[in-house]
Amino acid sequence: MWRRSSTQQSKRPPTQMLALMVGAVLLGGSQRPNAASPSPLTVDEDGTVHVPAQSVPPSQFLTPEGKAYLAEHLRKVRQPQLLQQPQDNGVPPLVAGYLDRQRALFAVDRQDTTVGGVHAFVYTPKEGVSARNRERVLIDLHGGGFSGCWPGCAELESIPIASLGRIRVVSLDYREAPKDHFPAASEDVAAAYRELLKTYRAADIGIYGCSAGGMLTGEVVAWFQRHDLPTPGAVGILCAGMTVPDRGFGGDADYTAMPIGEARMVAMPSKADSKTSRAAGSLLDYFQGADLHSPLVSPAVSPQVLSKFPPTLIITATRGFELSSAVYTHTQLVKYGAPAELHVWEGLFHGFFYNPDVPESRDCYDVIVRFFARELGKH
């Protein structure tokens, strides 16, 4: 019921009053006639928003170490020489220091071997595999855009998990571009998986990877379904999703998370491309000639594939350019009945957990270790 004020009577209807209240909150209260105001947003008929230039400070929720790490990362990724992958060790200078720290912090033994005919490194904690994990194993599929970062990224993803989880981790040196193309990597993972099935139950095998390795993790689950291989016990799709759009990872994150997390933008599709029924083609050379709408490439397109997924851990960050793909992947898995959990780290970027000295990375390692400890052997 609307009551008369002691000083005046409001003649505006409730809906109009609500609109005025919301507008006042969004604009920070009443504006003085001469007060400077930000450049206005403009919106196209199709919903495209034109955002004026703005400054984005580090998130207030980051730890002090996280803020310093973000600033360092944004400066370094603008130096192309730090992103080069040396032929001798496959460790880009950007992450070489993180690998040195991991080796100092986490004690593991590394065996150079082959699994099912696929070159691999097997990491075993120097403390020994825990009693509960003696019948379990993890497969790591390294990042690197399907075109490198072996063994650098493989080491960064495997060493802390093997040590902290006290579990054996097999990191696969799967085939990549430019020499090989889809489905070479999926075939290699399937070959190694078949070999491990001779020793381990499928329910006791976990698969995970970051970036390209996270994408490949989703692809191999679809590949296993197509080729009648048993479903692994659990999988981790880290710094990735199960979509392969024609540019970036797709969604809002290409325009929002990408520039503030990697200090650069990817090439966006033209309006002509966006109107076609098929994607123009992935920026990743590995998918040259592949059907980007196949569930073997983009598992998120298939309800049938998603409904048969094992427990799935998805990890991303608010400045990770994969954010939209990761969120969409999670919603689709849940929609079709697959057990999935999504963890989003505030204020950080693609592959942030490579740096072991940041508290957020340690929290991430803990989530990964606990997830596989809980899920392997259950299904």
Protein backbone atom coordinates (compact mmCIF):
# COMPACT_ATOMS: atom_id res chain seq x y z
CA MET A 1 0.00 0.00 0.00
CA TRP A 2 1.35 3.44 -0.95
CA ARG A 3 1.19 6.03 1.84
CA ARG A 4 1.29 9.82 1.65
CA SER A 5 4.55 11.28 2.88
CA SER A 6 4.47 13.95 5.52
CA THR A 7 6.01 16.32 2.95
CA GLN A 8 4.76 15.18 -0.46
CA GLN A 9 2.60 12.67 -2.32
CA SER A 10 4.29 10.35 -4.86
CA LYS A 11 2.26 10.19 -8.02
CA ARG A 12 4.52 7.73 -9.83
CA PRO A 13 3.41 4.07 -10.13
CA PRO A 14 5.51 1.40 -8.31
CA THR A 15 7.16 0.09 -11.51
CA GLN A 16 8.36 3.55 -12.50
CA MET A 17 9.69 4.19 -9.01
CA LEU A 18 11.60 0.87 -9.14
CA ALA A 19 13.16 1.80 -12.47
CA LEU A 20 14.30 5.14 -11.06
CA MET A 21 15.78 3.45 -7.98
CA VAL A 22 17.74 0.92 -10.10
CA GLY A 23 18.98 3.71 -12.36
CA ALA A 24 20.17 5.70 -9.37
CA VAL A 25 22.12 2.71 -8.03
CA LEU A 26 23.76 1.96 -11.38
CA LEU A 27 24.72 5.58 -11.94
CA GLY A 28 25.98 6.08 -8.41
CA GLY A 29 23.19 8.41 -7.34
CA SER A 30 22.18 11.73 -8.83
CA GLN A 31 24.60 13.40 -11.23
CA ARG A 32 25.56 17.03 -10.86
CA PRO A 33 24.91 18.92 -14.12
CA ASN A 34 28.63 19.48 -14.76
CA ALA A 35 29.93 16.17 -13.37
CA ALA A 36 32.05 14.11 -15.75
CA SER A 37 30.32 10.91 -16.83
CA PRO A 38 31.77 7.86 -18.56
CA SER A 39 31.33 7.34 -22.28
CA PRO A 40 27.99 5.64 -22.81
CA LEU A 41 27.57 2.06 -23.93
CA THR A 42 25.85 1.54 -27.25
CA VAL A 43 23.88 -1.56 -28.16
CA ASP A 44 23.18 -2.86 -31.69
CA GLU A 45 19.89 -4.42 -32.72
CA ASP A 46 21.44 -7.91 -32.50
CA GLY A 47 22.59 -7.31 -28.91
CA THR A 48 26.22 -6.45 -29.67
CA VAL A 49 27.47 -4.08 -26.98
CA HIS A 50 30.11 -1.45 -27.79
CA VAL A 51 32.11 -0.89 -24.62
CA PRO A 52 34.18 2.29 -24.22
CA ALA A 53 37.80 2.06 -23.10
CA GLN A 54 38.14 1.24 -19.43
CA SER A 55 40.78 0.26 -16.89
CA VAL A 56 40.50 -3.08 -15.07
CA PRO A 57 42.48 -3.34 -11.81
CA PRO A 58 43.42 -6.66 -10.18
CA SER A 59 40.58 -8.33 -8.31
CA GLN A 60 40.28 -7.34 -4.67
CA PHE A 61 39.76 -11.02 -3.86
CA LEU A 62 43.25 -12.09 -4.97
CA THR A 63 45.90 -12.79 -2.37
CA PRO A 64 48.87 -10.38 -2.38
CA GLU A 65 50.90 -13.09 -4.08
CA GLY A 66 48.13 -13.56 -6.64
CA LYS A 67 48.07 -9.84 -7.47
CA ALA A 68 51.83 -9.75 -7.97
CA TYR A 69 51.63 -12.89 -10.10
CA LEU A 70 48.91 -11.40 -12.31
CA ALA A 71 50.91 -8.21 -12.89
CA GLU A 72 54.03 -10.20 -13.75
CA HIS A 73 52.10 -12.47 -16.10
CA LEU A 74 50.46 -9.60 -17.98
CA ARG A 75 53.84 -7.98 -18.55
CA LYS A 76 55.54 -11.17 -19.65
CA VAL A 77 52.91 -12.41 -22.11
CA ARG A 78 53.47 -9.24 -24.11
CA GLN A 79 57.06 -10.35 -24.78
CA PRO A 80 56.97 -12.84 -27.70
CA GLN A 81 60.44 -14.20 -26.95
CA LEU A 82 59.18 -15.57 -23.62
CA LEU A 83 56.51 -17.63 -25.38
CA GLN A 84 58.91 -19.41 -27.76
CA GLN A 85 59.27 -23.16 -27.25
CA PRO A 86 62.96 -24.18 -27.39
CA GLN A 87 63.66 -27.27 -29.44
CA ASP A 88 66.03 -28.71 -26.84
CA ASN A 89 63.72 -28.89 -23.82
CA GLY A 90 60.21 -27.76 -24.82
CA VAL A 91 60.02 -25.35 -21.88
CA PRO A 92 58.95 -21.82 -22.86
CA PRO A 93 60.90 -19.16 -20.89
CA LEU A 94 57.57 -17.89 -19.53
CA VAL A 95 57.18 -21.02 -17.39
CA ALA A 96 60.78 -22.20 -16.96
CA GLY A 97 61.09 -20.62 -13.52
CA TYR A 98 57.86 -22.26 -12.36
CA LEU A 99 59.21 -25.66 -13.38
CA ASP A 100 62.42 -25.09 -11.42
CA ARG A 101 60.35 -24.26 -8.34
CA GLN A 102 58.14 -27.31 -8.76
CA ARG A 103 61.16 -29.57 -8.98
CA ALA A 104 62.51 -28.04 -5.77
CA LEU A 105 59.21 -28.34 -3.91
CA PHE A 106 57.82 -31.68 -5.06
CA ALA A 107 59.95 -34.82 -4.92
CA VAL A 108 59.19 -37.29 -7.73
CA ASP A 109 61.01 -39.86 -9.79
CA ARG A 110 60.57 -39.69 -13.57
CA GLN A 111 60.77 -42.72 -15.84
CA ASP A 112 61.18 -42.27 -19.60
CA THR A 113 59.22 -45.08 -21.24
CA THR A 114 56.51 -46.01 -23.74
CA VAL A 115 52.95 -47.03 -22.95
CA GLY A 116 51.06 -48.83 -25.69
CA GLY A 117 53.68 -47.66 -28.16
CA VAL A 118 53.31 -44.00 -27.10
CA HIS A 119 56.26 -42.13 -25.62
CA ALA A 120 55.57 -41.19 -22.02
CA PHE A 121 57.04 -39.98 -18.75
CA VAL A 122 55.85 -41.77 -15.62
CA TYR A 123 56.04 -39.72 -12.41
CA THR A 124 56.14 -41.53 -9.08
CA PRO A 125 56.31 -39.72 -5.70
CA LYS A 126 59.60 -40.29 -3.89
CA GLU A 127 57.58 -40.90 -0.71
CA GLY A 128 55.98 -43.77 -2.55
CA VAL A 129 52.46 -44.31 -3.85
CA SER A 130 49.95 -44.33 -1.00
CA ALA A 131 48.23 -47.56 -0.06
CA ARG A 132 44.86 -46.39 -1.43
CA ASN A 133 46.43 -45.45 -4.77
CA ARG A 134 48.43 -48.60 -5.46
CA GLU A 135 45.72 -49.84 -7.80
CA ARG A 136 45.08 -46.40 -9.34
CA VAL A 137 46.81 -44.31 -11.99
CA LEU A 138 46.35 -40.90 -13.61
CA ILE A 139 46.99 -40.00 -17.25
CA ASP A 140 48.09 -36.42 -17.91
CA LEU A 141 47.54 -34.87 -21.35
CA HIS A 142 49.74 -31.80 -21.54
CA GLY A 143 48.83 -28.33 -22.81
CA GLY A 144 50.52 -26.46 -25.62
CA GLY A 145 47.94 -25.79 -28.31
CA PHE A 146 48.37 -29.26 -29.85
CA SER A 147 51.69 -28.03 -31.19
CA GLY A 148 54.34 -28.30 -28.48
CA CYS A 149 55.24 -27.71 -24.81
CA TRP A 150 56.48 -31.25 -24.33
CA PRO A 151 57.82 -31.96 -21.81
CA GLY A 152 57.52 -28.51 -20.19
CA CYS A 153 53.76 -28.42 -19.72
CA ALA A 154 53.66 -32.15 -19.01
CA GLU A 155 56.07 -31.66 -16.11
CA LEU A 156 54.18 -28.65 -14.74
CA GLU A 157 50.89 -30.55 -14.72
CA SER A 158 52.23 -33.88 -13.45
CA ILE A 159 54.86 -33.17 -10.79
CA PRO A 160 52.69 -31.49 -8.12
CA ILE A 161 49.77 -33.89 -8.55
CA ALA A 162 51.96 -36.99 -8.36
CA SER A 163 53.74 -35.68 -5.26
CA LEU A 164 50.81 -34.20 -3.35
CA GLY A 165 48.39 -36.96 -4.34
CA ARG A 166 50.94 -39.72 -3.80
CA ILE A 167 49.78 -41.32 -7.01
CA ARG A 168 51.47 -42.47 -10.21
CA VAL A 169 50.97 -40.08 -13.15
CA VAL A 170 51.58 -41.12 -16.77
CA SER A 171 52.09 -38.12 -19.04
CA LEU A 172 51.72 -38.92 -22.74
CA ASP A 173 53.79 -37.42 -25.54
CA TYR A 174 50.87 -37.62 -27.99
CA ARG A 175 51.22 -36.64 -31.65
CA GLU A 176 50.72 -32.98 -32.49
CA ALA A 177 50.69 -30.44 -35.31
CA PRO A 178 52.26 -29.45 -37.61
CA LYS A 179 53.36 -32.98 -38.41
CA ASP A 180 50.14 -34.69 -37.34
CA HIS A 181 46.49 -33.71 -37.18
CA PHE A 182 43.21 -34.85 -35.61
CA PRO A 183 42.57 -37.64 -34.62
CA ALA A 184 46.23 -38.58 -34.06
CA ALA A 185 46.27 -37.51 -30.40
CA SER A 186 43.03 -39.34 -29.62
CA GLU A 187 44.43 -42.49 -31.22
CA ASP A 188 47.59 -42.24 -29.10
CA VAL A 189 45.68 -41.80 -25.85
CA ALA A 190 43.44 -44.75 -26.73
CA ALA A 191 46.50 -46.94 -27.41
CA ALA A 192 48.05 -46.05 -24.04
CA TYR A 193 44.69 -46.48 -22.29
CA ARG A 194 44.30 -49.98 -23.73
CA GLU A 195 47.72 -50.87 -22.38
CA LEU A 196 46.95 -49.53 -18.91
CA LEU A 197 43.69 -51.50 -18.86
CA LYS A 198 45.82 -54.65 -18.75
CA THR A 199 46.96 -53.59 -15.27
CA TYR A 200 44.26 -51.27 -13.93
CA ARG A 201 40.48 -51.32 -13.85
CA ALA A 202 38.89 -48.56 -15.93
CA ALA A 203 37.27 -47.21 -12.75
CA ASP A 204 40.75 -46.76 -11.24
CA ILE A 205 42.13 -44.73 -14.17
CA GLY A 206 41.76 -40.94 -14.19
CA ILE A 207 42.56 -38.64 -17.10
CA TYR A 208 43.21 -34.91 -16.93
CA GLY A 209 44.96 -32.12 -18.78
CA CYS A 210 45.24 -28.36 -19.12
CA SER A 211 44.40 -26.21 -22.18
CA ALA A 212 44.84 -28.41 -25.27
CA GLY A 213 45.21 -31.33 -22.88
CA GLY A 214 41.90 -30.44 -21.26
CA MET A 215 40.23 -30.32 -24.66
CA LEU A 216 41.84 -33.66 -25.53
CA THR A 217 40.58 -35.18 -22.27
CA GLY A 218 37.00 -34.53 -23.37
CA GLU A 219 37.70 -35.75 -26.89
CA VAL A 220 39.16 -39.05 -25.76
CA VAL A 221 36.13 -39.84 -23.62
CA ALA A 222 34.01 -39.41 -26.77
CA TRP A 223 36.57 -41.47 -28.70
CA PHE A 224 36.38 -44.28 -26.12
CA GLN A 225 32.60 -44.34 -26.47
CA ARG A 226 32.82 -44.55 -30.25
CA HIS A 227 35.36 -47.40 -30.08
CA ASP A 228 33.73 -49.39 -27.25
CA LEU A 229 36.41 -48.75 -24.66
CA PRO A 230 35.31 -48.65 -21.02
CA THR A 231 34.73 -45.26 -19.42
CA PRO A 232 37.54 -44.07 -17.11
CA GLY A 233 36.79 -43.51 -13.44
CA ALA A 234 36.99 -39.71 -13.57
CA VAL A 235 38.35 -36.93 -15.75
CA GLY A 236 39.62 -33.39 -15.25
CA ILE A 237 39.15 -30.72 -17.92
CA LEU A 238 41.46 -27.98 -16.74
CA CYS A 239 41.82 -24.50 -18.33
CA ALA A 240 39.60 -25.69 -21.17
CA GLY A 241 36.14 -26.74 -22.23
CA MET A 242 34.68 -29.24 -24.66
CA THR A 243 34.01 -26.84 -27.51
CA VAL A 244 36.25 -26.00 -30.47
CA PRO A 245 34.90 -22.77 -31.99
CA ASP A 246 36.50 -21.18 -35.01
CA ARG A 247 38.16 -18.45 -32.92
CA GLY A 248 39.45 -18.69 -29.36
CA PHE A 249 37.43 -20.90 -27.04
CA GLY A 250 34.20 -19.08 -27.87
CA GLY A 251 31.63 -17.10 -25.95
CA ASP A 252 31.90 -13.86 -24.01
CA ALA A 253 35.35 -14.77 -22.70
CA ASP A 254 36.93 -14.12 -26.10
CA TYR A 255 36.06 -10.46 -25.59
CA THR A 256 36.17 -10.09 -21.81
CA ALA A 257 38.50 -12.56 -20.08
CA MET A 258 41.01 -12.77 -22.94
CA PRO A 259 42.20 -9.13 -23.01
CA ILE A 260 42.46 -8.77 -19.22
CA GLY A 261 44.06 -12.19 -18.70
CA GLU A 262 46.40 -12.47 -21.66
CA ALA A 263 46.74 -8.76 -22.53
CA ARG A 264 45.76 -9.48 -26.14
CA MET A 265 42.77 -10.38 -28.29
CA VAL A 266 42.31 -13.22 -30.75
CA ALA A 267 41.06 -12.66 -34.28
CA MET A 268 37.29 -12.66 -34.24
CA PRO A 269 35.07 -14.16 -36.95
CA SER A 270 33.51 -11.80 -39.44
CA LYS A 271 29.75 -11.34 -39.57
CA ALA A 272 29.77 -13.35 -42.79
CA ASP A 273 31.45 -16.25 -40.99
CA SER A 274 28.99 -16.08 -38.10
CA LYS A 275 26.07 -16.50 -40.49
CA THR A 276 27.37 -19.70 -42.03
CA SER A 277 26.12 -23.06 -40.82
CA ARG A 278 29.65 -24.31 -40.22
CA ALA A 279 32.58 -22.73 -38.43
CA ALA A 280 35.17 -21.10 -40.64
CA GLY A 281 37.90 -23.35 -39.24
CA SER A 282 39.82 -23.60 -35.98
CA LEU A 283 42.84 -21.39 -35.35
CA LEU A 284 44.55 -24.56 -34.07
CA ASP A 285 46.46 -26.21 -36.91
CA TYR A 286 45.88 -29.62 -35.34
CA PHE A 287 42.19 -29.47 -36.34
CA GLN A 288 42.93 -28.63 -39.97
CA GLY A 289 40.31 -30.38 -42.08
CA ALA A 290 38.38 -31.70 -39.06
CA ASP A 291 34.63 -31.30 -38.64
CA LEU A 292 34.37 -28.91 -35.69
CA HIS A 293 30.76 -30.01 -35.16
CA SER A 294 31.70 -33.64 -34.59
CA PRO A 295 31.38 -34.87 -30.99
CA LEU A 296 34.84 -36.41 -31.42
CA VAL A 297 36.17 -32.85 -31.74
CA SER A 298 33.61 -30.89 -29.70
CA PRO A 299 31.94 -33.35 -27.30
CA ALA A 300 29.68 -30.60 -25.89
CA VAL A 301 27.57 -30.72 -29.08
CA SER A 302 26.27 -34.23 -28.33
CA PRO A 303 23.74 -34.95 -25.55
CA GLN A 304 24.26 -38.68 -26.10
CA VAL A 305 28.02 -38.38 -25.52
CA LEU A 306 27.68 -36.06 -22.53
CA SER A 307 25.12 -38.26 -20.80
CA LYS A 308 27.70 -41.07 -20.59
CA PHE A 309 30.54 -38.96 -19.15
CA PRO A 310 32.25 -40.05 -15.93
CA PRO A 311 32.57 -37.65 -12.96
CA THR A 312 34.16 -34.54 -14.46
CA LEU A 313 36.16 -31.79 -12.78
CA ILE A 314 36.28 -28.47 -14.65
CA ILE A 315 38.74 -25.78 -13.59
CA THR A 316 38.99 -22.27 -15.00
CA ALA A 317 39.52 -18.66 -13.90
CA THR A 318 37.69 -15.38 -14.41
CA ARG A 319 40.50 -14.10 -16.67
CA GLY A 320 41.02 -17.39 -18.46
CA PHE A 321 40.13 -17.10 -22.13
CA GLU A 322 38.52 -20.55 -21.84
CA LEU A 323 36.05 -19.32 -19.19
CA SER A 324 32.92 -19.32 -21.37
CA SER A 325 33.71 -22.73 -22.85
CA ALA A 326 34.33 -24.20 -19.40
CA VAL A 327 31.10 -22.78 -17.98
CA TYR A 328 29.09 -23.93 -21.01
CA THR A 329 30.66 -27.39 -20.81
CA HIS A 330 29.63 -27.67 -17.17
CA THR A 331 26.04 -26.60 -17.84
CA GLN A 332 25.71 -29.11 -20.69
CA LEU A 333 27.11 -31.99 -18.63
CA VAL A 334 24.71 -31.21 -15.78
CA LYS A 335 21.81 -30.78 -18.21
CA TYR A 336 22.31 -34.28 -19.57
CA GLY A 337 22.83 -35.98 -16.24
CA ALA A 338 26.59 -36.35 -15.98
CA PRO A 339 28.20 -35.73 -12.56
CA ALA A 340 30.28 -32.58 -12.95
CA GLU A 341 31.75 -29.87 -10.76
CA LEU A 342 33.05 -26.46 -11.79
CA HIS A 343 35.70 -24.47 -9.92
CA VAL A 344 36.41 -20.90 -11.04
CA TRP A 345 39.37 -19.00 -9.58
CA GLU A 346 38.74 -15.29 -9.18
CA GLY A 347 41.09 -12.82 -10.85
CA LEU A 348 43.51 -15.29 -12.44
CA PHE A 349 44.19 -16.45 -15.97
CA HIS A 350 44.70 -19.40 -18.32
CA GLY A 351 46.87 -22.11 -16.74
CA PHE A 352 47.47 -20.06 -13.58
CA PHE A 353 48.33 -23.06 -11.41
CA TYR A 354 51.68 -23.66 -13.12
CA ASN A 355 53.19 -21.33 -10.51
CA PRO A 356 53.44 -23.32 -7.24
CA ASP A 357 54.28 -20.33 -5.03
CA VAL A 358 50.86 -18.71 -5.31
CA PRO A 359 48.27 -19.71 -2.67
CA GLU A 360 45.59 -19.99 -5.35
CA SER A 361 47.67 -22.62 -7.15
CA ARG A 362 48.04 -24.67 -3.97
CA ASP A 363 44.27 -24.50 -3.48
CA CYS A 364 43.85 -25.73 -7.05
CA TYR A 365 46.22 -28.66 -6.54
CA ASP A 366 44.20 -29.61 -3.47
CA VAL A 367 40.94 -29.60 -5.45
CA ILE A 368 42.45 -31.84 -8.15
CA VAL A 369 43.97 -34.29 -5.69
CA ARG A 370 40.81 -34.57 -3.59
CA PHE A 371 38.61 -34.99 -6.65
CA PHE A 372 40.47 -38.01 -7.97
CA ALA A 373 40.93 -39.47 -4.50
CA ARG A 374 37.17 -39.32 -4.02
CA GLU A 375 36.00 -40.44 -7.47
CA LEU A 376 38.42 -43.14 -8.63
CA GLY A 377 37.20 -46.64 -7.94
CA LYS A 378 33.61 -45.58 -7.21
CA HIS A 379 31.94 -46.25 -10.54
